[in-house]
């Protein structure tokens, strides 16, 4: 009889443990399944890169087509060109990069700043000491990792620059010095 009571107690204990496990195991699975995406969606905005050193500024978002339209700008040809670029919603600790394709001098790459833990690659001015000529066209394409979806956006058409001849210099005329003026 004592044996039957012990077996009955063990059955009740096993049932209670099974009931608790039946409740806790699905909760653990749900928390593990939801923990992954919650950590991946740490950025407040969808990923985008931008150019702000021209007017109007140029933005490209992760949901725009890779071969979509570009913003077109005109600059004077010369010995150097600079851009102010940045990004937001990027995967932390990655850097956006832009690939420049020139119809005259081939292609090259320049990088923005590294995104911090807040998914922001702060603006930076990138100076390119490259000689450009009138008639040259630069097509600039963006490459970046998105912070929320984890996609790699590659060679997304961002902007184009058409280089033109600089204006002629202002004519310099000799002007006489007047009394009490410094003459140069």
N, C-alpha and C. Protein backbone atom coordinates (compact mmCIF):
# COMPACT_ATOMS: atom_id res chain seq x y z
N UNK A 1 0.80 -1.17 0.00
CA UNK A 1 0.00 0.00 0.00
C UNK A 1 0.86 1.26 0.00
N UNK A 2 1.92 1.18 0.81
CA UNK A 2 2.86 2.31 0.86
C UNK A 2 3.46 2.56 -0.52
N UNK A 3 3.72 1.49 -1.21
CA UNK A 3 4.28 1.60 -2.57
C UNK A 3 3.31 2.35 -3.49
N UNK A 4 2.03 2.10 -3.41
CA UNK A 4 1.03 2.73 -4.26
C UNK A 4 0.94 4.23 -3.97
N UNK A 5 1.07 4.60 -2.69
CA UNK A 5 1.02 6.02 -2.34
C UNK A 5 2.24 6.76 -2.90
N UNK A 6 3.39 6.12 -2.83
CA UNK A 6 4.60 6.73 -3.36
C UNK A 6 4.51 6.90 -4.86
N UNK A 7 4.00 5.90 -5.55
CA UNK A 7 3.85 5.98 -7.00
C UNK A 7 2.85 7.08 -7.36
N UNK A 8 1.78 7.18 -6.61
CA UNK A 8 0.77 8.22 -6.85
C UNK A 8 1.35 9.62 -6.68
N UNK A 9 2.19 9.77 -5.63
CA UNK A 9 2.84 11.07 -5.40
C UNK A 9 3.77 11.43 -6.57
N UNK A 10 4.52 10.47 -7.01
CA UNK A 10 5.45 10.72 -8.12
C UNK A 10 4.68 11.07 -9.39
N UNK A 11 3.56 10.43 -9.61
CA UNK A 11 2.75 10.75 -10.79
C UNK A 11 2.24 12.18 -10.72
N UNK A 12 1.80 12.61 -9.54
CA UNK A 12 1.32 13.99 -9.37
C UNK A 12 2.47 14.98 -9.59
N UNK A 13 3.64 14.66 -9.07
CA UNK A 13 4.81 15.53 -9.25
C UNK A 13 5.18 15.61 -10.72
N UNK A 14 5.18 14.48 -11.39
CA UNK A 14 5.52 14.45 -12.82
C UNK A 14 4.49 15.25 -13.62
N UNK A 15 3.20 15.12 -13.29
CA UNK A 15 2.16 15.88 -13.99
C UNK A 15 2.35 17.39 -13.78
N UNK A 16 2.66 17.77 -12.56
CA UNK A 16 2.85 19.21 -12.27
C UNK A 16 4.06 19.75 -13.03
N UNK A 17 5.14 19.00 -13.03
CA UNK A 17 6.35 19.42 -13.77
C UNK A 17 6.04 19.49 -15.26
N UNK A 18 5.29 18.53 -15.76
CA UNK A 18 4.92 18.54 -17.18
C UNK A 18 4.03 19.73 -17.50
N UNK A 19 3.10 20.07 -16.59
CA UNK A 19 2.22 21.22 -16.81
C UNK A 19 3.02 22.52 -16.82
N UNK A 20 3.94 22.65 -15.88
CA UNK A 20 4.79 23.84 -15.84
C UNK A 20 5.66 23.92 -17.09
N UNK A 21 6.23 22.80 -17.50
CA UNK A 21 7.06 22.77 -18.70
C UNK A 21 6.24 23.10 -19.93
N UNK A 22 5.00 22.64 -19.99
CA UNK A 22 4.14 22.92 -21.13
C UNK A 22 3.88 24.43 -21.26
N UNK A 23 3.87 25.12 -20.16
CA UNK A 23 3.67 26.57 -20.20
C UNK A 23 4.98 27.30 -20.47
N UNK A 24 6.07 26.90 -19.83
CA UNK A 24 7.32 27.63 -19.93
C UNK A 24 8.09 27.40 -21.23
N UNK A 25 8.05 26.20 -21.77
CA UNK A 25 8.81 25.91 -22.99
C UNK A 25 8.33 26.78 -24.16
N UNK A 26 7.02 26.90 -24.44
CA UNK A 26 6.61 27.80 -25.54
C UNK A 26 6.99 29.25 -25.28
N UNK A 27 6.92 29.69 -24.02
CA UNK A 27 7.34 31.06 -23.73
C UNK A 27 8.82 31.26 -24.02
N UNK A 28 9.62 30.29 -23.68
CA UNK A 28 11.06 30.39 -23.95
C UNK A 28 11.31 30.42 -25.44
N UNK A 29 10.59 29.61 -26.21
CA UNK A 29 10.77 29.60 -27.66
C UNK A 29 10.36 30.95 -28.25
N UNK A 30 9.23 31.49 -27.79
CA UNK A 30 8.77 32.78 -28.29
C UNK A 30 9.77 33.87 -27.96
N UNK A 31 10.31 33.87 -26.75
CA UNK A 31 11.27 34.91 -26.38
C UNK A 31 12.56 34.79 -27.17
N UNK A 32 13.00 33.57 -27.46
CA UNK A 32 14.21 33.40 -28.26
C UNK A 32 13.96 33.81 -29.69
N UNK A 33 12.80 33.48 -30.25
CA UNK A 33 12.49 33.83 -31.63
C UNK A 33 12.35 35.34 -31.78
N UNK A 34 11.74 36.01 -30.82
CA UNK A 34 11.56 37.45 -30.93
C UNK A 34 12.81 38.22 -30.55
N UNK A 35 13.74 37.62 -29.82
CA UNK A 35 14.93 38.35 -29.41
C UNK A 35 15.83 38.65 -30.60
N UNK A 36 15.92 37.76 -31.55
CA UNK A 36 16.79 37.99 -32.70
C UNK A 36 16.39 39.22 -33.50
N UNK A 37 15.15 39.32 -34.01
CA UNK A 37 14.75 40.50 -34.76
C UNK A 37 14.77 41.78 -33.94
N UNK A 38 14.45 41.69 -32.63
CA UNK A 38 14.45 42.90 -31.82
C UNK A 38 15.85 43.50 -31.77
N UNK A 39 16.88 42.66 -31.72
CA UNK A 39 18.23 43.19 -31.70
C UNK A 39 18.64 43.72 -33.07
N UNK A 40 18.10 43.13 -34.14
CA UNK A 40 18.48 43.54 -35.48
C UNK A 40 17.86 44.87 -35.85
N UNK A 41 16.75 45.24 -35.23
CA UNK A 41 16.07 46.47 -35.59
C UNK A 41 16.42 47.57 -34.60
N UNK A 42 17.68 47.87 -34.48
CA UNK A 42 18.13 48.88 -33.54
C UNK A 42 18.19 50.28 -34.10
N UNK A 43 18.01 50.47 -35.41
CA UNK A 43 18.10 51.80 -36.02
C UNK A 43 16.72 52.44 -36.07
N UNK A 44 16.68 53.73 -35.90
CA UNK A 44 15.40 54.44 -35.87
C UNK A 44 14.85 54.75 -37.26
N UNK A 45 15.69 54.73 -38.28
CA UNK A 45 15.23 55.06 -39.64
C UNK A 45 15.69 53.98 -40.61
N UNK A 46 15.07 53.97 -41.76
CA UNK A 46 15.56 53.13 -42.84
C UNK A 46 16.89 53.70 -43.30
N UNK A 47 17.75 52.84 -43.79
CA UNK A 47 19.09 53.27 -44.19
C UNK A 47 19.03 54.23 -45.38
N UNK A 48 19.87 55.24 -45.32
CA UNK A 48 20.02 56.17 -46.45
C UNK A 48 21.37 56.86 -46.36
N UNK A 49 21.85 57.27 -47.53
CA UNK A 49 23.08 58.04 -47.64
C UNK A 49 22.72 59.38 -48.26
N UNK A 50 23.58 60.37 -48.01
CA UNK A 50 23.24 61.69 -48.52
C UNK A 50 24.48 62.50 -48.88
N UNK A 51 24.23 63.48 -49.74
CA UNK A 51 25.22 64.46 -50.19
C UNK A 51 24.65 65.82 -49.86
N UNK A 52 25.35 66.62 -49.05
CA UNK A 52 24.80 67.90 -48.62
C UNK A 52 25.63 69.11 -49.07
N UNK A 53 26.70 68.89 -49.79
CA UNK A 53 27.56 70.02 -50.16
C UNK A 53 27.06 70.73 -51.42
N UNK A 54 25.95 70.31 -51.96
CA UNK A 54 25.36 70.94 -53.14
C UNK A 54 23.91 71.27 -52.84
N UNK A 55 23.32 72.10 -53.69
CA UNK A 55 21.91 72.42 -53.49
C UNK A 55 21.13 72.01 -54.72
N UNK A 56 20.04 71.35 -54.57
CA UNK A 56 19.51 70.77 -53.34
C UNK A 56 20.28 69.51 -52.96
N UNK A 57 20.22 69.15 -51.70
CA UNK A 57 20.91 67.95 -51.22
C UNK A 57 20.36 66.70 -51.91
N UNK A 58 21.16 65.65 -51.94
CA UNK A 58 20.77 64.40 -52.59
C UNK A 58 20.72 63.28 -51.57
N UNK A 59 19.60 62.56 -51.53
CA UNK A 59 19.41 61.45 -50.60
C UNK A 59 19.06 60.19 -51.39
N UNK A 60 19.56 59.05 -50.95
CA UNK A 60 19.18 57.76 -51.53
C UNK A 60 18.87 56.80 -50.38
N UNK A 61 17.67 56.22 -50.41
CA UNK A 61 17.19 55.32 -49.37
C UNK A 61 17.28 53.87 -49.82
N UNK A 62 17.34 52.98 -48.84
CA UNK A 62 17.50 51.55 -49.12
C UNK A 62 16.36 50.98 -49.94
N UNK A 63 15.17 51.57 -49.88
CA UNK A 63 14.04 51.02 -50.62
C UNK A 63 13.91 51.59 -52.03
N UNK A 64 14.82 52.46 -52.43
CA UNK A 64 14.81 52.99 -53.79
C UNK A 64 15.55 52.01 -54.70
N UNK A 65 15.17 51.98 -55.99
CA UNK A 65 15.85 51.04 -56.90
C UNK A 65 17.33 51.39 -57.07
N UNK A 66 18.12 50.35 -57.28
CA UNK A 66 19.56 50.54 -57.44
C UNK A 66 19.87 51.36 -58.69
N UNK A 67 19.16 51.10 -59.76
CA UNK A 67 19.40 51.83 -61.01
C UNK A 67 18.38 52.93 -61.25
N UNK A 68 17.84 53.47 -60.17
CA UNK A 68 16.88 54.56 -60.30
C UNK A 68 17.56 55.82 -60.77
N UNK A 69 16.80 56.88 -60.88
CA UNK A 69 17.34 58.16 -61.34
C UNK A 69 18.36 58.74 -60.39
N UNK A 70 19.17 59.62 -60.92
CA UNK A 70 20.19 60.29 -60.12
C UNK A 70 19.84 61.77 -60.03
N UNK A 71 20.42 62.43 -59.06
CA UNK A 71 20.36 63.88 -59.00
C UNK A 71 21.56 64.40 -59.78
N UNK A 72 21.33 65.38 -60.63
CA UNK A 72 22.40 65.89 -61.50
C UNK A 72 22.84 67.28 -61.05
N UNK A 73 24.17 67.49 -61.07
CA UNK A 73 24.76 68.75 -60.65
C UNK A 73 25.80 69.18 -61.67
N UNK A 74 26.14 70.46 -61.62
CA UNK A 74 27.15 71.01 -62.51
C UNK A 74 28.23 71.66 -61.66
N UNK A 75 29.49 71.36 -61.97
CA UNK A 75 30.63 71.95 -61.25
C UNK A 75 31.66 72.40 -62.26
N UNK A 76 32.49 73.32 -61.82
CA UNK A 76 33.57 73.78 -62.67
C UNK A 76 34.70 72.77 -62.68
N UNK A 77 35.25 72.53 -63.83
CA UNK A 77 36.40 71.63 -63.97
C UNK A 77 37.61 72.27 -63.28
N UNK A 78 38.48 71.45 -62.74
CA UNK A 78 39.66 71.98 -62.05
C UNK A 78 40.51 70.87 -61.48
N UNK A 79 41.30 71.23 -60.45
CA UNK A 79 42.26 70.30 -59.88
C UNK A 79 41.74 69.50 -58.70
N UNK A 80 40.66 69.92 -58.08
CA UNK A 80 40.14 69.16 -56.94
C UNK A 80 38.63 69.33 -56.85
N UNK A 81 38.01 68.36 -56.22
CA UNK A 81 36.57 68.38 -56.00
C UNK A 81 36.33 67.87 -54.59
N UNK A 82 35.37 68.44 -53.90
CA UNK A 82 35.08 67.95 -52.55
C UNK A 82 33.58 67.74 -52.39
N UNK A 83 33.24 66.80 -51.52
CA UNK A 83 31.86 66.47 -51.23
C UNK A 83 31.67 66.40 -49.73
N UNK A 84 30.48 66.74 -49.26
CA UNK A 84 30.12 66.54 -47.86
C UNK A 84 29.06 65.43 -47.87
N UNK A 85 29.42 64.27 -47.30
CA UNK A 85 28.57 63.08 -47.37
C UNK A 85 28.36 62.50 -45.98
N UNK A 86 27.31 61.68 -45.84
CA UNK A 86 27.03 61.00 -44.59
C UNK A 86 25.99 59.92 -44.81
N UNK A 87 25.53 59.32 -43.72
CA UNK A 87 24.53 58.28 -43.80
C UNK A 87 23.82 58.10 -42.48
N UNK A 88 22.64 57.47 -42.54
CA UNK A 88 21.84 57.23 -41.35
C UNK A 88 21.12 55.90 -41.52
N UNK A 89 20.83 55.23 -40.42
CA UNK A 89 20.17 53.93 -40.48
C UNK A 89 21.09 52.83 -40.97
N UNK A 90 22.40 53.07 -40.89
CA UNK A 90 23.39 52.10 -41.37
C UNK A 90 23.73 51.10 -40.27
N UNK A 91 24.23 49.95 -40.68
CA UNK A 91 24.66 48.95 -39.70
C UNK A 91 25.79 49.58 -38.87
N UNK A 92 25.68 49.49 -37.54
CA UNK A 92 26.72 50.08 -36.70
C UNK A 92 28.11 49.56 -37.05
N UNK A 93 29.07 50.45 -36.99
CA UNK A 93 30.49 50.18 -37.20
C UNK A 93 30.83 49.78 -38.64
N UNK A 94 30.00 50.23 -39.58
CA UNK A 94 30.30 50.06 -41.00
C UNK A 94 30.39 51.45 -41.62
N UNK A 95 30.99 51.52 -42.78
CA UNK A 95 31.20 52.81 -43.44
C UNK A 95 30.56 52.79 -44.82
N UNK A 96 29.81 53.85 -45.16
CA UNK A 96 29.30 53.92 -46.53
C UNK A 96 30.45 54.27 -47.48
N UNK A 97 30.35 53.79 -48.68
CA UNK A 97 31.37 54.08 -49.70
C UNK A 97 30.67 54.48 -50.98
N UNK A 98 31.32 55.34 -51.73
CA UNK A 98 30.78 55.78 -53.02
C UNK A 98 31.78 55.43 -54.11
N UNK A 99 31.29 54.88 -55.19
CA UNK A 99 32.13 54.52 -56.34
C UNK A 99 31.86 55.54 -57.43
N UNK A 100 32.91 56.16 -57.92
CA UNK A 100 32.82 57.17 -58.96
C UNK A 100 33.25 56.57 -60.28
N UNK A 101 32.40 56.68 -61.28
CA UNK A 101 32.73 56.24 -62.63
C UNK A 101 32.83 57.48 -63.50
N UNK A 102 34.01 57.72 -64.04
CA UNK A 102 34.25 58.89 -64.89
C UNK A 102 34.29 58.45 -66.35
N UNK A 103 33.72 59.30 -67.21
CA UNK A 103 33.78 58.99 -68.64
C UNK A 103 35.15 59.32 -69.22
N UNK A 104 36.05 59.89 -68.40
CA UNK A 104 37.38 60.28 -68.88
C UNK A 104 38.49 59.51 -68.16
N UNK A 105 38.41 59.42 -66.82
CA UNK A 105 39.55 58.91 -66.06
C UNK A 105 39.30 57.61 -65.31
N UNK A 106 38.35 56.80 -65.72
CA UNK A 106 38.14 55.51 -65.06
C UNK A 106 37.27 55.62 -63.83
N UNK A 107 37.57 54.80 -62.82
CA UNK A 107 36.75 54.80 -61.61
C UNK A 107 37.62 54.79 -60.36
N UNK A 108 37.04 55.23 -59.26
CA UNK A 108 37.71 55.23 -57.97
C UNK A 108 36.64 55.25 -56.88
N UNK A 109 37.07 55.07 -55.62
CA UNK A 109 36.15 54.97 -54.49
C UNK A 109 36.53 56.00 -53.43
N UNK A 110 35.53 56.57 -52.75
CA UNK A 110 35.79 57.34 -51.54
C UNK A 110 34.81 56.89 -50.47
N UNK A 111 35.24 56.99 -49.20
CA UNK A 111 34.45 56.50 -48.06
C UNK A 111 33.96 57.63 -47.18
N UNK A 112 32.83 57.38 -46.51
CA UNK A 112 32.33 58.27 -45.48
C UNK A 112 32.88 57.82 -44.14
N UNK A 113 32.39 58.44 -43.09
CA UNK A 113 32.81 58.05 -41.74
C UNK A 113 32.17 56.73 -41.34
N UNK A 114 32.72 56.10 -40.33
CA UNK A 114 32.17 54.86 -39.80
C UNK A 114 30.96 55.19 -38.94
N UNK A 115 29.87 54.44 -39.13
CA UNK A 115 28.66 54.63 -38.33
C UNK A 115 28.92 54.18 -36.90
N UNK A 116 28.40 54.95 -35.97
CA UNK A 116 28.53 54.59 -34.56
C UNK A 116 27.46 53.58 -34.16
N UNK A 117 27.35 53.32 -32.89
CA UNK A 117 26.33 52.41 -32.37
C UNK A 117 24.92 52.93 -32.58
N UNK A 118 24.78 54.23 -32.89
CA UNK A 118 23.47 54.83 -33.13
C UNK A 118 23.06 54.77 -34.61
N UNK A 119 23.82 54.05 -35.43
CA UNK A 119 23.51 53.83 -36.86
C UNK A 119 23.78 55.07 -37.72
N UNK A 120 24.46 56.08 -37.21
CA UNK A 120 24.70 57.32 -37.95
C UNK A 120 26.17 57.44 -38.34
N UNK A 121 26.41 57.64 -39.63
CA UNK A 121 27.75 57.96 -40.13
C UNK A 121 27.75 59.49 -40.29
N UNK A 122 28.34 60.17 -39.34
CA UNK A 122 28.33 61.64 -39.35
C UNK A 122 28.89 62.18 -40.66
N UNK A 123 28.41 63.36 -41.01
CA UNK A 123 28.88 64.00 -42.25
C UNK A 123 30.38 64.23 -42.19
N UNK A 124 30.99 64.12 -43.33
CA UNK A 124 32.41 64.43 -43.46
C UNK A 124 32.63 65.05 -44.82
N UNK A 125 33.64 65.88 -44.91
CA UNK A 125 34.01 66.46 -46.20
C UNK A 125 35.12 65.61 -46.78
N UNK A 126 34.87 65.11 -47.98
CA UNK A 126 35.84 64.27 -48.67
C UNK A 126 36.43 65.12 -49.80
N UNK A 127 37.72 65.37 -49.74
CA UNK A 127 38.41 66.12 -50.79
C UNK A 127 39.10 65.18 -51.76
N UNK A 128 38.82 65.33 -53.02
CA UNK A 128 39.40 64.47 -54.05
C UNK A 128 40.34 65.29 -54.91
N UNK A 129 41.62 65.07 -54.77
CA UNK A 129 42.63 65.80 -55.55
C UNK A 129 42.77 65.12 -56.91
N UNK A 130 41.78 65.28 -57.73
CA UNK A 130 41.78 64.68 -59.07
C UNK A 130 41.50 65.79 -60.07
N UNK A 131 42.29 65.83 -61.10
CA UNK A 131 42.09 66.84 -62.15
C UNK A 131 40.87 66.45 -62.99
N UNK A 132 39.98 67.39 -63.18
CA UNK A 132 38.82 67.16 -64.05
C UNK A 132 38.87 68.12 -65.23
N UNK A 133 38.23 67.73 -66.31
CA UNK A 133 38.21 68.55 -67.53
C UNK A 133 36.77 68.82 -67.92
N UNK A 134 36.57 69.90 -68.64
CA UNK A 134 35.24 70.24 -69.13
C UNK A 134 34.73 69.10 -70.01
N UNK A 135 33.48 68.74 -69.82
CA UNK A 135 32.89 67.64 -70.57
C UNK A 135 32.94 66.31 -69.83
N UNK A 136 33.70 66.27 -68.73
CA UNK A 136 33.78 65.04 -67.95
C UNK A 136 32.49 64.87 -67.14
N UNK A 137 32.03 63.62 -67.01
CA UNK A 137 30.84 63.32 -66.24
C UNK A 137 31.18 62.23 -65.23
N UNK A 138 30.88 62.50 -63.94
CA UNK A 138 31.06 61.52 -62.89
C UNK A 138 29.70 60.96 -62.51
N UNK A 139 29.55 59.65 -62.57
CA UNK A 139 28.37 58.99 -62.04
C UNK A 139 28.78 58.36 -60.72
N UNK A 140 28.12 58.75 -59.65
CA UNK A 140 28.50 58.34 -58.30
C UNK A 140 27.45 57.36 -57.77
N UNK A 141 27.92 56.20 -57.34
CA UNK A 141 27.04 55.13 -56.85
C UNK A 141 27.38 54.81 -55.40
N UNK A 142 26.35 54.60 -54.58
CA UNK A 142 26.53 54.35 -53.14
C UNK A 142 26.53 52.86 -52.82
N UNK A 143 27.32 52.51 -51.80
CA UNK A 143 27.40 51.14 -51.27
C UNK A 143 27.34 51.22 -49.75
N UNK A 144 26.37 50.51 -49.14
CA UNK A 144 26.24 50.55 -47.68
C UNK A 144 25.45 49.36 -47.17
N UNK A 145 25.65 49.04 -45.88
CA UNK A 145 24.90 47.98 -45.20
C UNK A 145 23.79 48.63 -44.38
N UNK A 146 22.58 48.11 -44.53
CA UNK A 146 21.44 48.67 -43.80
C UNK A 146 21.45 48.16 -42.37
N UNK A 147 20.98 49.00 -41.47
CA UNK A 147 20.99 48.64 -40.05
C UNK A 147 19.84 47.76 -39.63
N UNK A 148 18.65 47.93 -40.20
CA UNK A 148 17.49 47.16 -39.76
C UNK A 148 17.34 45.84 -40.50
N UNK A 149 17.39 45.87 -41.82
CA UNK A 149 17.17 44.63 -42.58
C UNK A 149 18.45 43.85 -42.85
N UNK A 150 19.60 44.48 -42.68
CA UNK A 150 20.87 43.80 -42.92
C UNK A 150 21.22 43.63 -44.39
N UNK A 151 20.51 44.33 -45.28
CA UNK A 151 20.80 44.22 -46.71
C UNK A 151 22.07 44.98 -47.06
N UNK A 152 22.74 44.51 -48.10
CA UNK A 152 23.88 45.23 -48.66
C UNK A 152 23.40 45.92 -49.92
N UNK A 153 23.35 47.22 -49.88
CA UNK A 153 22.95 48.01 -51.04
C UNK A 153 24.23 48.27 -51.82
N UNK A 154 24.28 47.80 -53.05
CA UNK A 154 25.51 47.86 -53.84
C UNK A 154 25.28 48.62 -55.14
N UNK A 155 26.16 49.61 -55.38
CA UNK A 155 26.16 50.41 -56.60
C UNK A 155 24.82 51.06 -56.89
N UNK A 156 24.21 51.65 -55.85
CA UNK A 156 22.95 52.36 -56.02
C UNK A 156 23.24 53.73 -56.64
N UNK A 157 22.63 54.02 -57.78
CA UNK A 157 22.84 55.30 -58.46
C UNK A 157 22.47 56.43 -57.49
N UNK A 158 23.40 57.34 -57.22
CA UNK A 158 23.16 58.41 -56.25
C UNK A 158 23.12 59.78 -56.93
N UNK A 159 24.22 60.19 -57.54
CA UNK A 159 24.22 61.49 -58.21
C UNK A 159 25.22 61.51 -59.35
N UNK A 160 25.07 62.51 -60.24
CA UNK A 160 26.01 62.72 -61.35
C UNK A 160 26.48 64.16 -61.32
N UNK A 161 27.73 64.33 -61.76
CA UNK A 161 28.31 65.68 -61.85
C UNK A 161 28.78 65.89 -63.27
N UNK A 162 28.33 66.98 -63.85
CA UNK A 162 28.78 67.38 -65.18
C UNK A 162 29.76 68.53 -64.99
N UNK A 163 31.01 68.33 -65.42
CA UNK A 163 32.03 69.36 -65.26
C UNK A 163 32.04 70.27 -66.49
N UNK A 164 32.09 71.57 -66.23
CA UNK A 164 32.08 72.58 -67.29
C UNK A 164 33.29 73.49 -67.13
N UNK A 165 33.58 74.26 -68.18
CA UNK A 165 34.69 75.22 -68.11
C UNK A 165 34.42 76.26 -67.03
N UNK A 166 35.45 76.63 -66.29
CA UNK A 166 35.27 77.72 -65.31
C UNK A 166 35.06 79.03 -66.04
N UNK A 167 34.43 79.99 -65.39
CA UNK A 167 34.21 81.28 -66.04
C UNK A 167 35.56 81.98 -66.28
N UNK A 168 35.60 82.85 -67.27
CA UNK A 168 36.86 83.59 -67.49
C UNK A 168 37.15 84.49 -66.29
N UNK A 169 38.43 84.74 -66.05
CA UNK A 169 38.77 85.60 -64.90
C UNK A 169 38.29 87.02 -65.14
N UNK A 170 38.05 87.71 -64.05
CA UNK A 170 37.65 89.12 -64.12
C UNK A 170 38.80 89.92 -64.71
N UNK A 171 38.49 90.83 -65.62
CA UNK A 171 39.59 91.64 -66.18
C UNK A 171 40.18 92.54 -65.09
N UNK A 172 41.51 92.64 -65.13
CA UNK A 172 42.16 93.48 -64.16
C UNK A 172 42.60 94.75 -64.88
N UNK A 173 42.18 95.85 -64.38
CA UNK A 173 42.56 97.14 -64.97
C UNK A 173 43.40 97.89 -63.96
N UNK A 174 44.37 98.60 -64.52
CA UNK A 174 45.18 99.43 -63.66
C UNK A 174 44.36 100.63 -63.25
N UNK A 175 44.30 100.89 -61.95
CA UNK A 175 43.58 102.05 -61.46
C UNK A 175 44.55 102.93 -60.72
N UNK A 176 44.48 104.18 -60.98
CA UNK A 176 45.42 105.10 -60.30
C UNK A 176 45.12 105.15 -58.81
N UNK A 177 46.16 105.44 -58.05
CA UNK A 177 46.00 105.58 -56.62
C UNK A 177 45.56 107.00 -56.31
N UNK A 178 44.66 107.10 -55.39
CA UNK A 178 44.21 108.41 -54.95
C UNK A 178 44.94 108.78 -53.69
N UNK A 179 44.90 110.05 -53.38
CA UNK A 179 45.60 110.58 -52.24
C UNK A 179 45.17 109.83 -50.97
N UNK A 180 46.09 109.43 -50.13
CA UNK A 180 45.90 108.75 -48.84
C UNK A 180 45.39 107.33 -48.98
N UNK A 181 45.53 106.69 -50.16
CA UNK A 181 45.17 105.29 -50.34
C UNK A 181 46.45 104.48 -50.54
N UNK A 182 46.42 103.29 -50.14
CA UNK A 182 47.55 102.41 -50.36
C UNK A 182 47.47 101.88 -51.78
N UNK A 183 48.56 101.95 -52.49
CA UNK A 183 48.59 101.45 -53.86
C UNK A 183 49.27 100.10 -53.88
N UNK A 184 48.71 99.17 -54.59
CA UNK A 184 49.30 97.83 -54.68
C UNK A 184 49.67 97.54 -56.10
